[in-house]
Amino acid sequence: MSNRPAKYTDDSTAQKLVARLFAAESELPDELREDFLTTDGDVSRVLMELVKDRSLRLATAPGNGWAPIHAVRLLGERREPAAVEPLIEIIREAELDEMIYSRAVFALQNIGKPALEPVLQAIESRSGPGEGKALAEVLCELGVRDERILRILLDILEEDPELGASYLASYGDPAALGPIHSTFESNEVHPTNPFVNHVFTELAAAIDELGGELTDREREKLDRANRIRRLVAQAVFGTEEPDELVSYIVTVDAIAPDEPCWCGSGTKYENCHGKSGRGTSP
């Protein structure tokens, strides 16, 4: 279905662009994208109307649900400060596997500094840990240095070392090296579960990204974790490649439906990667 809703049918420049957006469906043509980015007037307002209309996200909606997804991307590329609150609302209400969710994260990162205070306020009033971690992902790529961001990311490092290390590497502040080294020291290598041991890979990558170096003890831990990964892969699959290990891990360390998902979202496993069709692989 590609017909636009009645309220998007007047002849203004912005509405004509929206008509083309509905017709584009899954592919946003470069020419149309350029027209949206270079046209002034009511374009941002109309894009925000698309974003706020939840009915347009349905696969049965005009444009097969793609119009608001493209609108989110375009608002980010236009660096529209007025779009910050609607984009935060998408992160709060959308499912992790919805494309509009990830597009909202990227759009807020594109908007940059104007998103800082609203995102910090949203984290302060968050409804659960998963929402806070998603908003923290926005902060680590805003291109803004702020002590409050660092504190939030260090809190995540303490709660979820693997995710926290990844966020801190993206944030790029060498001040995080001390806490990352401490986290490396306090974690022990699991004797059989290579997925648990992946935390050492992320911690090592963060240390390298931030300009640090592994200590001899950290390097020994990383080598031991990698050795266990290879041994388990060889024993179970006859391969040293890690890609097929997650099914084994779920077998030996069964995740209960109401336990937090392994991906770090803070959502229950049954509502995250335990959903039918999402599988268990990262």
Foldseek 3Di string as FASTA:
>chain_A
DQQADPVLPDDDPLSVLLSVLLVCQPDDDPVSLVCLLPDDDCNLVVLLVLLPPVVLCDCPHRSRNCSNLVSLLSLLQNLPLVCLVSLLVCCQPPAPPRSSNVSSLSSLLSNAPSNVVVLVVCLVVDPFPLSNLSSLLSVLRRPDDDVVNVVSLLVLCVVPVLSSLQSLLSNQALVCLVSLLVSLVPDAADQAALVVVCSLVSSCVSCVSNPHHDDPVSVVRNVNSLVNQQVNCCVPPVGSDNQPCQVVNCVVVPFDQQPQQPVSSRHGCCRHCVDPPNHRGD
